[in-house]
């Protein structure tokens, strides 16, 4: 009897250690929020001010967005146009499904099978943004993110992403120089996370979405990726909510989104609300 208890305890401990190890990176996201890499309001020029000649603009003046085709739904047209109007001298690239497939085939053929075989279209929409930022550089924005002011001040940071709540980073607005080491790292490892977690929401979030990007960001920072060669090293700067939500000096406005959410999301959000009680 005692031997059985000991064996059970050993097995239970091994399982617990395995599970903790598997989710350790996720747990660290609860305490590592990236404030040390924050882009503070104090280091940004005032809205409407002339560009500061001392700030070197490194990111190319390109705005990337994605959609099925060129027929943008009316609910997002205002947000899309706000970014185009504020940046008349920037290149604007709308990556349709057809363009994305051709780009991956032509430039990253090793990824084509994975890209084509993702079960959910949003996974391709997620993945293509990492590849075009790595390849061309520029700023990627979801179609439900509008522009409240010119984005030129953000061109001075070799790579930046947005903080999301309650933890991790988002992939809805990102900027980078071409071949930034972090986005090279993301592209290199994206196939490693191509797994089916049964629920569509979790599968998308963990394979190509914000959770995937957050996990790689934590690996990047903890592995010393934020310290490297070149301007700002491999550092990824973070735009926090207080710098982009509801202020006259914010860079972005937010419109109705979440078009890819399925029924399982309601269950997940319901459980989340229960846990907060």
C-alpha atoms as a PDB file:
ATOM      1  CA  UNK A   1       0.000   0.000   0.000  1.00  0.00           C
ATOM      2  CA  UNK A   2       2.763   2.378   0.977  1.00  0.00           C
ATOM      3  CA  UNK A   3       4.625   1.575  -2.245  1.00  0.00           C
ATOM      4  CA  UNK A   4       1.519   2.413  -4.265  1.00  0.00           C
ATOM      5  CA  UNK A   5       1.164   5.758  -2.485  1.00  0.00           C
ATOM      6  CA  UNK A   6       4.802   6.558  -3.181  1.00  0.00           C
ATOM      7  CA  UNK A   7       4.441   5.667  -6.865  1.00  0.00           C
ATOM      8  CA  UNK A   8       1.282   7.752  -7.104  1.00  0.00           C
ATOM      9  CA  UNK A   9       3.019  10.709  -5.462  1.00  0.00           C
ATOM     10  CA  UNK A  10       5.979  10.398  -7.847  1.00  0.00           C
ATOM     11  CA  UNK A  11       3.689  10.216 -10.886  1.00  0.00           C
ATOM     12  CA  UNK A  12       1.540  13.123  -9.682  1.00  0.00           C
ATOM     13  CA  UNK A  13       4.631  15.233  -9.007  1.00  0.00           C
ATOM     14  CA  UNK A  14       6.025  14.422 -12.454  1.00  0.00           C
ATOM     15  CA  UNK A  15       2.755  15.421 -14.108  1.00  0.00           C
ATOM     16  CA  UNK A  16       2.551  18.662 -12.134  1.00  0.00           C
ATOM     17  CA  UNK A  17       6.160  19.526 -12.999  1.00  0.00           C
ATOM     18  CA  UNK A  18       5.489  18.777 -16.665  1.00  0.00           C
ATOM     19  CA  UNK A  19       2.402  21.003 -16.711  1.00  0.00           C
ATOM     20  CA  UNK A  20       4.154  23.828 -14.870  1.00  0.00           C
ATOM     21  CA  UNK A  21       7.089  23.634 -17.268  1.00  0.00           C
ATOM     22  CA  UNK A  22       4.705  23.671 -20.236  1.00  0.00           C
ATOM     23  CA  UNK A  23       2.903  26.811 -19.090  1.00  0.00           C
ATOM     24  CA  UNK A  24       5.805  28.533 -17.335  1.00  0.00           C
ATOM     25  CA  UNK A  25       6.208  31.136 -20.040  1.00  0.00           C
ATOM     26  CA  UNK A  26       2.499  31.916 -19.808  1.00  0.00           C
ATOM     27  CA  UNK A  27       2.787  32.307 -16.056  1.00  0.00           C
ATOM     28  CA  UNK A  28       5.713  34.726 -16.389  1.00  0.00           C
ATOM     29  CA  UNK A  29       3.553  36.965 -18.574  1.00  0.00           C
ATOM     30  CA  UNK A  30       1.514  37.716 -15.458  1.00  0.00           C
ATOM     31  CA  UNK A  31       4.495  39.359 -13.751  1.00  0.00           C
ATOM     32  CA  UNK A  32       6.727  40.469 -16.658  1.00  0.00           C
ATOM     33  CA  UNK A  33       4.822  43.294 -18.305  1.00  0.00           C
ATOM     34  CA  UNK A  34       7.621  44.945 -20.324  1.00  0.00           C
ATOM     35  CA  UNK A  35       7.535  48.341 -18.617  1.00  0.00           C
ATOM     36  CA  UNK A  36      11.320  48.501 -18.911  1.00  0.00           C
ATOM     37  CA  UNK A  37      10.836  48.703 -22.697  1.00  0.00           C
ATOM     38  CA  UNK A  38       7.870  51.073 -22.641  1.00  0.00           C
ATOM     39  CA  UNK A  39       7.608  53.992 -25.047  1.00  0.00           C
ATOM     40  CA  UNK A  40       6.635  56.776 -22.675  1.00  0.00           C
ATOM     41  CA  UNK A  41       4.634  59.854 -23.598  1.00  0.00           C
ATOM     42  CA  UNK A  42       7.533  61.993 -22.372  1.00  0.00           C
ATOM     43  CA  UNK A  43       9.803  60.760 -25.181  1.00  0.00           C
ATOM     44  CA  UNK A  44       7.259  61.400 -27.926  1.00  0.00           C
ATOM     45  CA  UNK A  45       6.786  64.745 -29.705  1.00  0.00           C
ATOM     46  CA  UNK A  46       3.528  66.590 -29.097  1.00  0.00           C
ATOM     47  CA  UNK A  47       0.737  65.965 -31.557  1.00  0.00           C
ATOM     48  CA  UNK A  48       0.926  68.345 -34.507  1.00  0.00           C
ATOM     49  CA  UNK A  49       4.538  69.347 -33.794  1.00  0.00           C
ATOM     50  CA  UNK A  50       7.154  69.424 -36.528  1.00  0.00           C
ATOM     51  CA  UNK A  51       9.408  66.338 -36.799  1.00  0.00           C
ATOM     52  CA  UNK A  52      12.456  66.470 -34.557  1.00  0.00           C
ATOM     53  CA  UNK A  53      15.575  66.328 -36.735  1.00  0.00           C
ATOM     54  CA  UNK A  54      17.422  64.587 -33.901  1.00  0.00           C
ATOM     55  CA  UNK A  55      15.134  61.543 -34.120  1.00  0.00           C
ATOM     56  CA  UNK A  56      16.353  59.136 -36.775  1.00  0.00           C
ATOM     57  CA  UNK A  57      13.483  57.476 -38.591  1.00  0.00           C
ATOM     58  CA  UNK A  58      14.468  53.859 -39.224  1.00  0.00           C
ATOM     59  CA  UNK A  59      11.207  52.074 -40.043  1.00  0.00           C
ATOM     60  CA  UNK A  60      10.152  52.478 -43.704  1.00  0.00           C
ATOM     61  CA  UNK A  61       7.054  54.582 -44.369  1.00  0.00           C
ATOM     62  CA  UNK A  62       4.783  51.662 -45.238  1.00  0.00           C
ATOM     63  CA  UNK A  63       1.374  50.791 -43.783  1.00  0.00           C
ATOM     64  CA  UNK A  64       0.381  47.132 -44.118  1.00  0.00           C
ATOM     65  CA  UNK A  65      -3.167  45.842 -43.658  1.00  0.00           C
ATOM     66  CA  UNK A  66      -4.892  42.565 -44.559  1.00  0.00           C
ATOM     67  CA  UNK A  67      -8.302  41.517 -45.827  1.00  0.00           C
ATOM     68  CA  UNK A  68      -9.921  38.812 -47.934  1.00  0.00           C
ATOM     69  CA  UNK A  69     -10.103  41.115 -50.964  1.00  0.00           C
ATOM     70  CA  UNK A  70     -10.191  44.835 -51.743  1.00  0.00           C
ATOM     71  CA  UNK A  71     -13.878  45.265 -50.784  1.00  0.00           C
ATOM     72  CA  UNK A  72     -13.427  46.553 -47.227  1.00  0.00           C
ATOM     73  CA  UNK A  73     -16.610  46.370 -45.092  1.00  0.00           C
ATOM     74  CA  UNK A  74     -18.158  49.739 -44.406  1.00  0.00           C
ATOM     75  CA  UNK A  75     -17.641  49.385 -40.640  1.00  0.00           C
ATOM     76  CA  UNK A  76     -13.833  49.588 -41.186  1.00  0.00           C
ATOM     77  CA  UNK A  77     -13.619  52.035 -44.071  1.00  0.00           C
ATOM     78  CA  UNK A  78     -13.420  55.116 -41.845  1.00  0.00           C
ATOM     79  CA  UNK A  79     -10.560  53.633 -39.808  1.00  0.00           C
ATOM     80  CA  UNK A  80      -8.706  52.578 -42.958  1.00  0.00           C
ATOM     81  CA  UNK A  81      -9.134  55.985 -44.590  1.00  0.00           C
ATOM     82  CA  UNK A  82      -7.989  57.852 -41.473  1.00  0.00           C
ATOM     83  CA  UNK A  83      -4.572  56.189 -41.750  1.00  0.00           C
ATOM     84  CA  UNK A  84      -4.307  56.775 -45.482  1.00  0.00           C
ATOM     85  CA  UNK A  85      -5.299  60.453 -45.173  1.00  0.00           C
ATOM     86  CA  UNK A  86      -2.791  61.162 -42.390  1.00  0.00           C
ATOM     87  CA  UNK A  87       0.081  59.607 -44.356  1.00  0.00           C
ATOM     88  CA  UNK A  88      -0.236  60.764 -47.985  1.00  0.00           C
ATOM     89  CA  UNK A  89       3.471  60.236 -48.700  1.00  0.00           C
ATOM     90  CA  UNK A  90       3.552  56.699 -47.277  1.00  0.00           C
ATOM     91  CA  UNK A  91       3.194  53.495 -49.257  1.00  0.00           C
ATOM     92  CA  UNK A  92      -0.023  51.638 -48.487  1.00  0.00           C
ATOM     93  CA  UNK A  93      -0.183  47.846 -48.923  1.00  0.00           C
ATOM     94  CA  UNK A  94      -3.473  45.975 -48.552  1.00  0.00           C
ATOM     95  CA  UNK A  95      -2.607  42.290 -48.466  1.00  0.00           C
ATOM     96  CA  UNK A  96      -5.508  40.334 -49.927  1.00  0.00           C
ATOM     97  CA  UNK A  97      -5.690  36.556 -49.632  1.00  0.00           C
ATOM     98  CA  UNK A  98      -4.488  36.178 -53.209  1.00  0.00           C
ATOM     99  CA  UNK A  99      -1.545  38.549 -52.713  1.00  0.00           C
ATOM    100  CA  UNK A 100      -0.578  36.856 -49.454  1.00  0.00           C
ATOM    101  CA  UNK A 101      -0.502  33.396 -51.000  1.00  0.00           C
ATOM    102  CA  UNK A 102       1.604  34.621 -53.905  1.00  0.00           C
ATOM    103  CA  UNK A 103       4.010  36.423 -51.567  1.00  0.00           C
ATOM    104  CA  UNK A 104       4.535  33.341 -49.412  1.00  0.00           C
ATOM    105  CA  UNK A 105       4.956  31.148 -52.491  1.00  0.00           C
ATOM    106  CA  UNK A 106       7.484  33.505 -54.075  1.00  0.00           C
ATOM    107  CA  UNK A 107       9.492  34.513 -51.005  1.00  0.00           C
ATOM    108  CA  UNK A 108       8.980  31.852 -48.295  1.00  0.00           C
ATOM    109  CA  UNK A 109       8.144  28.638 -50.120  1.00  0.00           C
ATOM    110  CA  UNK A 110       9.268  26.581 -47.116  1.00  0.00           C
ATOM    111  CA  UNK A 111       6.232  27.939 -45.236  1.00  0.00           C
ATOM    112  CA  UNK A 112       3.676  27.589 -48.047  1.00  0.00           C
ATOM    113  CA  UNK A 113       2.208  24.218 -47.018  1.00  0.00           C
ATOM    114  CA  UNK A 114       1.706  25.342 -43.432  1.00  0.00           C
ATOM    115  CA  UNK A 115       0.247  28.656 -44.581  1.00  0.00           C
ATOM    116  CA  UNK A 116      -2.225  27.033 -46.987  1.00  0.00           C
ATOM    117  CA  UNK A 117      -3.261  24.329 -44.512  1.00  0.00           C
ATOM    118  CA  UNK A 118      -4.132  26.515 -41.545  1.00  0.00           C
ATOM    119  CA  UNK A 119      -7.732  25.534 -40.692  1.00  0.00           C
ATOM    120  CA  UNK A 120      -8.849  29.089 -39.949  1.00  0.00           C
ATOM    121  CA  UNK A 121      -8.421  32.064 -42.319  1.00  0.00           C
ATOM    122  CA  UNK A 122      -7.466  34.348 -39.405  1.00  0.00           C
ATOM    123  CA  UNK A 123      -4.318  32.240 -38.940  1.00  0.00           C
ATOM    124  CA  UNK A 124      -3.175  33.246 -42.419  1.00  0.00           C
ATOM    125  CA  UNK A 125      -4.110  36.861 -41.673  1.00  0.00           C
ATOM    126  CA  UNK A 126      -2.016  36.644 -38.490  1.00  0.00           C
ATOM    127  CA  UNK A 127       0.951  34.922 -40.095  1.00  0.00           C
ATOM    128  CA  UNK A 128       1.268  37.170 -43.127  1.00  0.00           C
ATOM    129  CA  UNK A 129       1.753  40.264 -40.957  1.00  0.00           C
ATOM    130  CA  UNK A 130       4.908  38.804 -39.382  1.00  0.00           C
ATOM    131  CA  UNK A 131       6.349  37.872 -42.759  1.00  0.00           C
ATOM    132  CA  UNK A 132       5.697  41.221 -44.446  1.00  0.00           C
ATOM    133  CA  UNK A 133       7.173  43.129 -41.483  1.00  0.00           C
ATOM    134  CA  UNK A 134      10.251  40.915 -41.595  1.00  0.00           C
ATOM    135  CA  UNK A 135      10.531  41.305 -45.371  1.00  0.00           C
ATOM    136  CA  UNK A 136       9.590  44.923 -46.048  1.00  0.00           C
ATOM    137  CA  UNK A 137       9.499  46.565 -42.628  1.00  0.00           C
ATOM    138  CA  UNK A 138       6.892  49.225 -41.953  1.00  0.00           C
ATOM    139  CA  UNK A 139       3.849  49.389 -39.685  1.00  0.00           C
ATOM    140  CA  UNK A 140       1.104  46.783 -39.587  1.00  0.00           C
ATOM    141  CA  UNK A 141      -2.400  47.771 -38.421  1.00  0.00           C
ATOM    142  CA  UNK A 142      -5.595  45.756 -38.110  1.00  0.00           C
ATOM    143  CA  UNK A 143      -8.452  47.222 -40.133  1.00  0.00           C
ATOM    144  CA  UNK A 144     -10.344  48.058 -36.940  1.00  0.00           C
ATOM    145  CA  UNK A 145      -7.466  50.300 -35.809  1.00  0.00           C
ATOM    146  CA  UNK A 146      -7.720  53.849 -37.102  1.00  0.00           C
ATOM    147  CA  UNK A 147      -5.083  56.587 -36.907  1.00  0.00           C
ATOM    148  CA  UNK A 148      -5.638  59.509 -34.549  1.00  0.00           C
ATOM    149  CA  UNK A 149      -2.356  61.243 -35.419  1.00  0.00           C
ATOM    150  CA  UNK A 150       0.652  60.796 -37.685  1.00  0.00           C
ATOM    151  CA  UNK A 151       2.660  57.681 -36.870  1.00  0.00           C
ATOM    152  CA  UNK A 152       6.045  59.174 -37.769  1.00  0.00           C
ATOM    153  CA  UNK A 153       7.312  59.315 -34.147  1.00  0.00           C
ATOM    154  CA  UNK A 154       7.028  55.513 -34.029  1.00  0.00           C
ATOM    155  CA  UNK A 155       9.409  55.178 -36.978  1.00  0.00           C
ATOM    156  CA  UNK A 156      12.306  55.991 -34.631  1.00  0.00           C
ATOM    157  CA  UNK A 157      12.076  52.624 -32.852  1.00  0.00           C
ATOM    158  CA  UNK A 158      13.503  49.624 -34.781  1.00  0.00           C
ATOM    159  CA  UNK A 159      10.700  47.423 -33.466  1.00  0.00           C
ATOM    160  CA  UNK A 160       7.586  48.033 -31.373  1.00  0.00           C
ATOM    161  CA  UNK A 161       4.362  46.278 -30.408  1.00  0.00           C
ATOM    162  CA  UNK A 162       1.376  47.117 -28.230  1.00  0.00           C
ATOM    163  CA  UNK A 163       0.774  45.891 -24.692  1.00  0.00           C
ATOM    164  CA  UNK A 164      -2.518  44.148 -24.179  1.00  0.00           C
ATOM    165  CA  UNK A 165      -4.604  43.514 -21.087  1.00  0.00           C
ATOM    166  CA  UNK A 166      -4.487  41.662 -18.815  1.00  0.00           C
ATOM    167  CA  UNK A 167      -1.169  40.224 -19.971  1.00  0.00           C
ATOM    168  CA  UNK A 168       1.163  39.857 -22.938  1.00  0.00           C
ATOM    169  CA  UNK A 169       1.430  41.813 -26.163  1.00  0.00           C
ATOM    170  CA  UNK A 170      -0.906  42.179 -29.125  1.00  0.00           C
ATOM    171  CA  UNK A 171      -0.335  41.703 -32.839  1.00  0.00           C
ATOM    172  CA  UNK A 172      -2.928  44.241 -34.010  1.00  0.00           C
ATOM    173  CA  UNK A 173      -0.445  47.133 -34.322  1.00  0.00           C
ATOM    174  CA  UNK A 174       3.292  46.549 -34.815  1.00  0.00           C
ATOM    175  CA  UNK A 175       6.229  48.227 -36.462  1.00  0.00           C
ATOM    176  CA  UNK A 176       9.723  47.124 -37.455  1.00  0.00           C
ATOM    177  CA  UNK A 177      12.675  47.695 -39.730  1.00  0.00           C
ATOM    178  CA  UNK A 178      13.215  44.982 -42.384  1.00  0.00           C
ATOM    179  CA  UNK A 179      14.856  41.855 -40.977  1.00  0.00           C
ATOM    180  CA  UNK A 180      14.592  42.988 -37.383  1.00  0.00           C
ATOM    181  CA  UNK A 181      16.007  40.104 -35.297  1.00  0.00           C
ATOM    182  CA  UNK A 182      12.794  39.685 -33.281  1.00  0.00           C
ATOM    183  CA  UNK A 183      10.581  39.260 -36.343  1.00  0.00           C
ATOM    184  CA  UNK A 184      13.200  36.989 -37.887  1.00  0.00           C
ATOM    185  CA  UNK A 185      12.871  34.935 -34.702  1.00  0.00           C
ATOM    186  CA  UNK A 186       9.057  34.916 -34.944  1.00  0.00           C
ATOM    187  CA  UNK A 187       9.123  33.760 -38.563  1.00  0.00           C
ATOM    188  CA  UNK A 188      11.743  31.119 -37.795  1.00  0.00           C
ATOM    189  CA  UNK A 189       9.628  29.532 -35.034  1.00  0.00           C
ATOM    190  CA  UNK A 190       6.069  29.994 -36.288  1.00  0.00           C
ATOM    191  CA  UNK A 191       5.821  26.429 -37.632  1.00  0.00           C
ATOM    192  CA  UNK A 192       6.741  25.074 -34.191  1.00  0.00           C
ATOM    193  CA  UNK A 193       3.425  26.394 -32.834  1.00  0.00           C
ATOM    194  CA  UNK A 194       1.189  24.945 -35.552  1.00  0.00           C
ATOM    195  CA  UNK A 195      -0.964  22.827 -33.233  1.00  0.00           C
ATOM    196  CA  UNK A 196      -4.681  22.175 -32.906  1.00  0.00           C
ATOM    197  CA  UNK A 197      -6.015  22.866 -29.411  1.00  0.00           C
ATOM    198  CA  UNK A 198      -9.585  21.686 -30.268  1.00  0.00           C
ATOM    199  CA  UNK A 199     -11.227  25.038 -29.516  1.00  0.00           C
ATOM    200  CA  UNK A 200     -10.823  27.452 -32.470  1.00  0.00           C
ATOM    201  CA  UNK A 201     -10.121  30.491 -30.267  1.00  0.00           C
ATOM    202  CA  UNK A 202      -7.306  28.829 -28.348  1.00  0.00           C
ATOM    203  CA  UNK A 203      -5.894  27.232 -31.512  1.00  0.00           C
ATOM    204  CA  UNK A 204      -5.707  30.609 -33.257  1.00  0.00           C
ATOM    205  CA  UNK A 205      -4.391  32.505 -30.251  1.00  0.00           C
ATOM    206  CA  UNK A 206      -1.692  29.920 -29.544  1.00  0.00           C
ATOM    207  CA  UNK A 207      -0.547  29.189 -33.094  1.00  0.00           C
ATOM    208  CA  UNK A 208      -0.412  32.622 -34.769  1.00  0.00           C
ATOM    209  CA  UNK A 209      -2.265  35.140 -32.608  1.00  0.00           C
ATOM    210  CA  UNK A 210      -1.367  37.389 -29.671  1.00  0.00           C
ATOM    211  CA  UNK A 211      -0.705  34.495 -27.277  1.00  0.00           C
ATOM    212  CA  UNK A 212       1.784  32.989 -29.740  1.00  0.00           C
ATOM    213  CA  UNK A 213       3.501  36.351 -30.165  1.00  0.00           C
ATOM    214  CA  UNK A 214       3.531  36.966 -26.394  1.00  0.00           C
ATOM    215  CA  UNK A 215       5.182  33.602 -25.709  1.00  0.00           C
ATOM    216  CA  UNK A 216       7.887  34.255 -28.303  1.00  0.00           C
ATOM    217  CA  UNK A 217       8.393  37.769 -26.931  1.00  0.00           C
ATOM    218  CA  UNK A 218       8.983  36.351 -23.434  1.00  0.00           C
ATOM    219  CA  UNK A 219      11.445  33.784 -24.836  1.00  0.00           C
ATOM    220  CA  UNK A 220      13.156  36.582 -26.783  1.00  0.00           C
ATOM    221  CA  UNK A 221      13.559  38.853 -23.765  1.00  0.00           C
ATOM    222  CA  UNK A 222      14.509  36.123 -21.283  1.00  0.00           C
ATOM    223  CA  UNK A 223      17.042  34.745 -23.764  1.00  0.00           C
ATOM    224  CA  UNK A 224      18.800  38.081 -24.068  1.00  0.00           C
ATOM    225  CA  UNK A 225      17.387  38.953 -27.479  1.00  0.00           C
ATOM    226  CA  UNK A 226      16.746  42.537 -26.359  1.00  0.00           C
ATOM    227  CA  UNK A 227      20.500  43.083 -26.168  1.00  0.00           C
ATOM    228  CA  UNK A 228      22.216  42.803 -29.528  1.00  0.00           C
ATOM    229  CA  UNK A 229      23.989  44.604 -32.330  1.00  0.00           C
ATOM    230  CA  UNK A 230      22.664  47.561 -34.282  1.00  0.00           C
ATOM    231  CA  UNK A 231      20.470  50.515 -33.271  1.00  0.00           C
ATOM    232  CA  UNK A 232      18.651  49.687 -30.021  1.00  0.00           C
ATOM    233  CA  UNK A 233      20.016  46.133 -30.251  1.00  0.00           C
ATOM    234  CA  UNK A 234      17.255  43.589 -30.724  1.00  0.00           C
ATOM    235  CA  UNK A 235      15.072  45.506 -28.316  1.00  0.00           C
ATOM    236  CA  UNK A 236      11.324  45.463 -28.829  1.00  0.00           C
ATOM    237  CA  UNK A 237       9.699  48.618 -27.490  1.00  0.00           C
ATOM    238  CA  UNK A 238       6.204  48.514 -25.993  1.00  0.00           C
ATOM    239  CA  UNK A 239       3.334  50.961 -26.468  1.00  0.00           C
ATOM    240  CA  UNK A 240       1.187  50.745 -23.339  1.00  0.00           C
ATOM    241  CA  UNK A 241      -2.607  51.267 -23.106  1.00  0.00           C
ATOM    242  CA  UNK A 242      -2.225  54.666 -21.465  1.00  0.00           C
ATOM    243  CA  UNK A 243      -0.432  55.775 -24.621  1.00  0.00           C
ATOM    244  CA  UNK A 244      -3.074  54.608 -27.078  1.00  0.00           C
ATOM    245  CA  UNK A 245      -6.499  54.526 -25.434  1.00  0.00           C
ATOM    246  CA  UNK A 246      -8.905  57.445 -25.570  1.00  0.00           C
ATOM    247  CA  UNK A 247      -6.592  60.466 -25.383  1.00  0.00           C
ATOM    248  CA  UNK A 248      -6.303  63.392 -27.768  1.00  0.00           C
ATOM    249  CA  UNK A 249      -2.593  62.578 -28.181  1.00  0.00           C
ATOM    250  CA  UNK A 250      -3.103  58.826 -28.727  1.00  0.00           C
ATOM    251  CA  UNK A 251      -1.840  57.287 -31.955  1.00  0.00           C
ATOM    252  CA  UNK A 252      -4.782  54.987 -32.586  1.00  0.00           C
ATOM    253  CA  UNK A 253      -8.549  54.801 -32.457  1.00  0.00           C
ATOM    254  CA  UNK A 254     -10.373  51.513 -32.124  1.00  0.00           C
ATOM    255  CA  UNK A 255     -13.437  50.406 -34.050  1.00  0.00           C
ATOM    256  CA  UNK A 256     -15.642  47.315 -33.959  1.00  0.00           C
ATOM    257  CA  UNK A 257     -13.538  44.204 -34.573  1.00  0.00           C
ATOM    258  CA  UNK A 258     -13.227  40.542 -33.532  1.00  0.00           C
ATOM    259  CA  UNK A 259     -14.771  39.421 -36.831  1.00  0.00           C
ATOM    260  CA  UNK A 260     -13.171  35.965 -36.574  1.00  0.00           C
ATOM    261  CA  UNK A 261     -14.492  35.063 -33.111  1.00  0.00           C
ATOM    262  CA  UNK A 262     -16.566  31.866 -33.033  1.00  0.00           C
ATOM    263  CA  UNK A 263     -19.055  30.508 -30.481  1.00  0.00           C
ATOM    264  CA  UNK A 264     -16.316  29.041 -28.270  1.00  0.00           C
ATOM    265  CA  UNK A 265     -15.169  32.566 -27.427  1.00  0.00           C
ATOM    266  CA  UNK A 266     -18.377  33.238 -25.493  1.00  0.00           C
ATOM    267  CA  UNK A 267     -17.688  30.189 -23.311  1.00  0.00           C
ATOM    268  CA  UNK A 268     -14.097  31.266 -22.679  1.00  0.00           C
ATOM    269  CA  UNK A 269     -15.109  34.833 -21.829  1.00  0.00           C
ATOM    270  CA  UNK A 270     -17.885  33.538 -19.531  1.00  0.00           C
ATOM    271  CA  UNK A 271     -15.415  31.349 -17.612  1.00  0.00           C
ATOM    272  CA  UNK A 272     -13.017  34.307 -17.454  1.00  0.00           C
ATOM    273  CA  UNK A 273     -15.695  36.493 -15.879  1.00  0.00           C
ATOM    274  CA  UNK A 274     -16.498  33.795 -13.321  1.00  0.00           C
ATOM    275  CA  UNK A 275     -12.841  33.577 -12.303  1.00  0.00           C
ATOM    276  CA  UNK A 276     -12.802  37.320 -11.636  1.00  0.00           C
ATOM    277  CA  UNK A 277     -15.731  37.081  -9.175  1.00  0.00           C
END
